[in-house]
Amino acid sequence: MKLDTAIAIIPARFDSTRLPGKPVAEIAGKTLIEHVYRRVAQARLINRIVVATDDARIAEAVERFGGEAVMTRHDHASGTDRLAEVAERLPPGALVVNVQGDEPLIEPAVIDQAVASARQGDAEIVTLMTRLDPALRNDPNRVKVVADRRGFALYFSRSPIPSEGTCFLHVGLYVYRVDFLRKFTKLERTPLEIAERLEQLRALEHGYRIRVVEVESESWGIDTLADLEKFRELVGNGTA
């Protein structure tokens, strides 16, 4: 049986609110976006990788290391909307893997786990979770998730929900089919999504299922200058 094509799309914009220009920040001779791209390229189930950006500086950085970049419009409200523009050119049954452009520690094996789960077809979205370090419970930059007994998401929050030991750390990778991704970005924004500033809540509020796969992962996003310096240190001492 022919398996569904899996295309990793990495949305990247220059004008990040907390850390402008981070995709082209250099760490040990490579830009941040290259570090992410190289990790994704190690996943066995990914057939193609595309960086979706609205900034020529990012596109040029990607092309310099031999990657594929696609220019998108400037007015997208979110990375998911940027993905959907690229997805308009893809077959409706293909799988789109949304890899955050600021997670250079994403592990190839967990990408493969997400793709394999999405191929089962029992949810509109597949994402990941891992054990939550108690020290991160109150960090609003670390999104938490709770799931039901079947592995479907009940809720995502920037707050600790409902208490230590019952919620997990959300790993910000998503897999959807192209046809659902196109539909999702046209759905009306919802109150919980707006309150938490988390797009995935839009899917839950509209009644769609999100499969959450538990993985062993040390991945975390680079949201601040401190995060960037921490990653530089890890690369410098050979632990990243």
Protein backbone atom coordinates (compact mmCIF):
# COMPACT_ATOMS: atom_id res chain seq x y z
CA MET A 1 0.00 0.00 0.00
CA LYS A 2 1.34 3.44 -0.94
CA LEU A 3 1.80 5.60 2.14
CA ASP A 4 0.61 9.20 2.27
CA THR A 5 3.22 11.77 1.31
CA ALA A 6 4.40 13.73 4.37
CA ILE A 7 5.58 17.27 3.73
CA ALA A 8 7.19 19.23 6.56
CA ILE A 9 6.47 22.95 6.36
CA ILE A 10 8.39 25.25 8.68
CA PRO A 11 6.74 28.69 9.04
CA ALA A 12 9.31 31.41 9.72
CA ARG A 13 8.86 35.14 10.05
CA PHE A 14 11.42 37.82 10.79
CA ASP A 15 9.35 40.15 12.96
CA SER A 16 8.87 38.01 16.06
CA THR A 17 7.44 40.07 18.92
CA ARG A 18 9.81 38.77 21.60
CA LEU A 19 12.93 38.04 19.53
CA PRO A 20 13.01 39.77 16.12
CA GLY A 21 15.17 38.13 13.46
CA LYS A 22 15.58 34.86 15.35
CA PRO A 23 15.33 32.56 12.28
CA VAL A 24 18.57 34.06 10.93
CA ALA A 25 20.36 34.29 14.29
CA GLU A 26 23.66 32.42 13.98
CA ILE A 27 24.62 29.59 16.31
CA ALA A 28 27.95 27.87 15.67
CA GLY A 29 28.07 29.01 12.04
CA LYS A 30 24.49 28.03 11.16
CA THR A 31 21.29 30.04 11.31
CA LEU A 32 18.55 28.92 13.67
CA ILE A 33 16.35 27.98 10.72
CA GLU A 34 19.12 25.74 9.35
CA HIS A 35 19.45 23.98 12.70
CA VAL A 36 15.71 23.24 12.60
CA TYR A 37 15.79 22.18 8.93
CA ARG A 38 18.68 19.77 9.50
CA ARG A 39 16.87 18.08 12.38
CA VAL A 40 13.71 17.61 10.33
CA ALA A 41 15.75 16.17 7.45
CA GLN A 42 16.77 13.27 9.71
CA ALA A 43 13.16 12.06 10.07
CA ARG A 44 12.61 8.88 8.03
CA LEU A 45 8.96 9.53 7.15
CA ILE A 46 9.35 13.08 5.80
CA ASN A 47 9.35 13.26 1.98
CA ARG A 48 9.93 16.99 1.53
CA ILE A 49 10.81 20.04 3.63
CA VAL A 50 9.71 23.61 2.86
CA VAL A 51 10.35 26.81 4.79
CA ALA A 52 7.36 29.16 4.42
CA THR A 53 8.33 32.79 4.95
CA ASP A 54 7.35 36.33 4.03
CA ASP A 55 10.88 37.71 4.38
CA ALA A 56 13.56 37.60 1.68
CA ARG A 57 16.31 37.48 4.32
CA ILE A 58 15.01 34.17 5.62
CA ALA A 59 14.42 32.76 2.14
CA GLU A 60 17.98 33.68 1.12
CA ALA A 61 19.41 32.10 4.28
CA VAL A 62 17.54 28.86 3.51
CA GLU A 63 18.65 28.80 -0.11
CA ARG A 64 22.28 29.38 0.90
CA PHE A 65 22.39 26.06 2.76
CA GLY A 66 20.52 24.25 -0.04
CA GLY A 67 17.04 24.19 1.48
CA GLU A 68 13.71 24.95 -0.17
CA ALA A 69 11.93 28.19 0.70
CA VAL A 70 8.53 29.41 -0.46
CA MET A 71 7.57 33.08 -0.23
CA THR A 72 4.13 33.81 1.23
CA ARG A 73 2.01 36.89 1.86
CA HIS A 74 2.93 39.37 4.59
CA ASP A 75 -0.53 39.65 6.16
CA HIS A 76 -0.98 36.20 7.73
CA ALA A 77 -2.20 36.31 11.32
CA SER A 78 -0.45 33.06 12.25
CA GLY A 79 2.01 30.43 11.14
CA THR A 80 -0.88 28.08 10.41
CA ASP A 81 -2.34 30.57 7.93
CA ARG A 82 1.08 30.71 6.27
CA LEU A 83 1.08 26.92 6.00
CA ALA A 84 -2.37 26.94 4.47
CA GLU A 85 -1.20 29.26 1.69
CA VAL A 86 1.57 26.80 0.80
CA ALA A 87 -0.87 23.88 1.13
CA GLU A 88 -3.05 25.33 -1.63
CA ARG A 89 -0.41 23.97 -4.02
CA LEU A 90 -0.36 20.47 -2.49
CA PRO A 91 -2.53 17.35 -3.06
CA PRO A 92 -5.57 17.35 -0.69
CA GLY A 93 -4.69 13.95 0.76
CA ALA A 94 -1.07 14.75 1.59
CA LEU A 95 0.01 15.12 5.20
CA VAL A 96 1.38 18.50 6.28
CA VAL A 97 3.75 18.43 9.23
CA ASN A 98 3.85 21.83 10.92
CA VAL A 99 7.28 22.13 12.53
CA GLN A 100 7.89 25.26 14.56
CA GLY A 101 10.78 27.29 13.18
CA ASP A 102 12.10 28.01 16.66
CA GLU A 103 12.47 24.40 17.90
CA PRO A 104 15.98 23.35 16.88
CA LEU A 105 15.97 20.45 19.35
CA ILE A 106 12.97 18.70 17.79
CA GLU A 107 13.86 15.02 17.57
CA PRO A 108 13.53 13.20 14.22
CA ALA A 109 12.05 10.15 15.96
CA VAL A 110 9.14 12.11 17.43
CA ILE A 111 8.37 13.61 14.02
CA ASP A 112 8.12 10.06 12.70
CA GLN A 113 5.83 9.08 15.59
CA ALA A 114 3.48 11.95 14.76
CA VAL A 115 3.39 11.09 11.05
CA ALA A 116 2.76 7.40 11.77
CA SER A 117 -0.13 8.31 14.07
CA ALA A 118 -1.64 10.70 11.50
CA ARG A 119 -1.64 7.92 8.93
CA GLN A 120 -4.09 6.01 11.16
CA GLY A 121 -6.70 8.66 10.34
CA ASP A 122 -8.66 8.74 13.63
CA ALA A 123 -8.22 12.48 14.29
CA GLU A 124 -8.16 15.68 12.27
CA ILE A 125 -4.95 16.85 13.96
CA VAL A 126 -2.08 14.96 15.57
CA THR A 127 0.30 16.64 18.01
CA LEU A 128 2.73 15.61 20.74
CA MET A 129 3.19 15.81 24.50
CA THR A 130 5.93 14.87 26.93
CA ARG A 131 6.41 14.71 30.68
CA LEU A 132 6.23 18.12 32.33
CA ASP A 133 9.14 19.31 34.45
CA PRO A 134 7.47 20.63 37.65
CA ALA A 135 9.73 23.68 37.47
CA LEU A 136 7.97 24.72 34.23
CA ARG A 137 4.39 24.44 35.51
CA ASN A 138 3.90 28.18 35.86
CA ASP A 139 5.84 29.27 32.76
CA PRO A 140 3.28 30.71 30.28
CA ASN A 141 5.72 30.10 27.40
CA ARG A 142 5.47 26.34 28.04
CA VAL A 143 2.01 25.20 26.90
CA LYS A 144 0.37 22.43 28.90
CA VAL A 145 -2.10 19.79 27.70
CA VAL A 146 -4.47 17.24 29.26
CA ALA A 147 -5.85 14.27 27.32
CA ASP A 148 -8.56 11.67 27.79
CA ARG A 149 -8.00 7.94 28.23
CA ARG A 150 -8.04 7.37 24.48
CA GLY A 151 -5.32 9.92 23.85
CA PHE A 152 -7.47 12.77 22.51
CA ALA A 153 -6.82 16.29 23.78
CA LEU A 154 -9.24 17.74 26.31
CA TYR A 155 -7.62 21.14 26.72
CA PHE A 156 -4.46 23.18 26.19
CA SER A 157 -3.40 26.06 28.43
CA ARG A 158 -0.53 28.35 29.32
CA SER A 159 -1.54 27.78 32.96
CA PRO A 160 -0.88 24.57 34.95
CA ILE A 161 -3.96 22.40 34.32
CA PRO A 162 -5.36 21.03 36.52
CA SER A 163 -2.38 20.16 38.75
CA GLU A 164 1.07 18.59 38.80
CA GLY A 165 1.10 14.99 37.58
CA THR A 166 -2.07 15.23 35.51
CA CYS A 167 -0.96 17.53 32.70
CA PHE A 168 1.83 17.25 30.17
CA LEU A 169 4.07 19.65 28.29
CA HIS A 170 2.81 20.25 24.77
CA VAL A 171 5.42 19.76 22.03
CA GLY A 172 4.46 22.22 19.30
CA LEU A 173 4.41 19.98 16.25
CA TYR A 174 1.19 19.28 14.31
CA VAL A 175 0.20 16.96 11.48
CA TYR A 176 -2.93 17.51 9.36
CA ARG A 177 -4.17 16.50 5.96
CA VAL A 178 -4.09 19.30 3.42
CA ASP A 179 -7.87 19.36 3.02
CA PHE A 180 -8.42 19.79 6.79
CA LEU A 181 -5.72 22.46 7.06
CA ARG A 182 -7.51 24.50 4.39
CA LYS A 183 -10.80 24.10 6.30
CA PHE A 184 -9.28 24.89 9.70
CA THR A 185 -7.90 28.29 8.72
CA LYS A 186 -11.36 29.33 7.51
CA LEU A 187 -13.07 28.50 10.83
CA GLU A 188 -14.19 31.39 13.01
CA ARG A 189 -11.82 32.17 15.88
CA THR A 190 -13.17 31.07 19.26
CA PRO A 191 -13.28 32.53 22.79
CA LEU A 192 -10.88 30.04 24.37
CA GLU A 193 -8.43 30.42 21.49
CA ILE A 194 -8.43 34.18 21.97
CA ALA A 195 -8.14 33.97 25.76
CA GLU A 196 -5.24 31.51 25.75
CA ARG A 197 -3.64 32.69 22.48
CA LEU A 198 -3.56 29.06 21.30
CA GLU A 199 -4.86 28.20 17.83
CA GLN A 200 -5.38 24.50 18.56
CA LEU A 201 -8.26 25.42 20.88
CA ARG A 202 -10.18 26.60 17.81
CA ALA A 203 -10.25 23.01 16.57
CA LEU A 204 -11.50 21.69 19.91
CA GLU A 205 -14.16 24.38 20.24
CA HIS A 206 -15.46 23.54 16.76
CA GLY A 207 -15.69 19.86 17.69
CA TYR A 208 -12.66 18.42 15.90
CA ARG A 209 -10.43 15.77 17.44
CA ILE A 210 -6.77 16.23 18.28
CA ARG A 211 -4.77 13.07 18.86
CA VAL A 212 -1.94 13.68 21.37
CA VAL A 213 0.96 11.23 21.19
CA GLU A 214 3.16 10.94 24.26
CA VAL A 215 6.87 11.00 23.40
CA GLU A 216 10.22 11.21 25.15
CA SER A 217 11.38 14.67 24.16
CA GLU A 218 13.64 17.44 25.41
CA SER A 219 12.51 19.87 22.71
CA TRP A 220 11.61 23.44 23.65
CA GLY A 221 11.00 26.58 21.68
CA ILE A 222 13.31 29.59 21.52
CA ASP A 223 11.05 32.44 22.60
CA THR A 224 13.50 34.77 24.33
CA LEU A 225 17.12 35.88 24.18
CA ALA A 226 17.77 33.69 27.23
CA ASP A 227 16.46 30.65 25.32
CA LEU A 228 18.74 31.50 22.40
CA GLU A 229 21.77 31.78 24.66
CA LYS A 230 20.87 28.47 26.31
CA PHE A 231 20.77 26.79 22.88
CA ARG A 232 24.12 28.37 21.96
CA GLU A 233 25.59 26.89 25.12
CA LEU A 234 24.21 23.42 24.32
CA VAL A 235 25.62 23.55 20.79
CA GLY A 236 28.93 24.83 22.08
CA ASN A 237 29.38 21.96 24.53
CA GLY A 238 28.17 19.35 22.04
CA THR A 239 24.94 18.35 23.79
CA ALA A 240 22.58 19.61 21.05
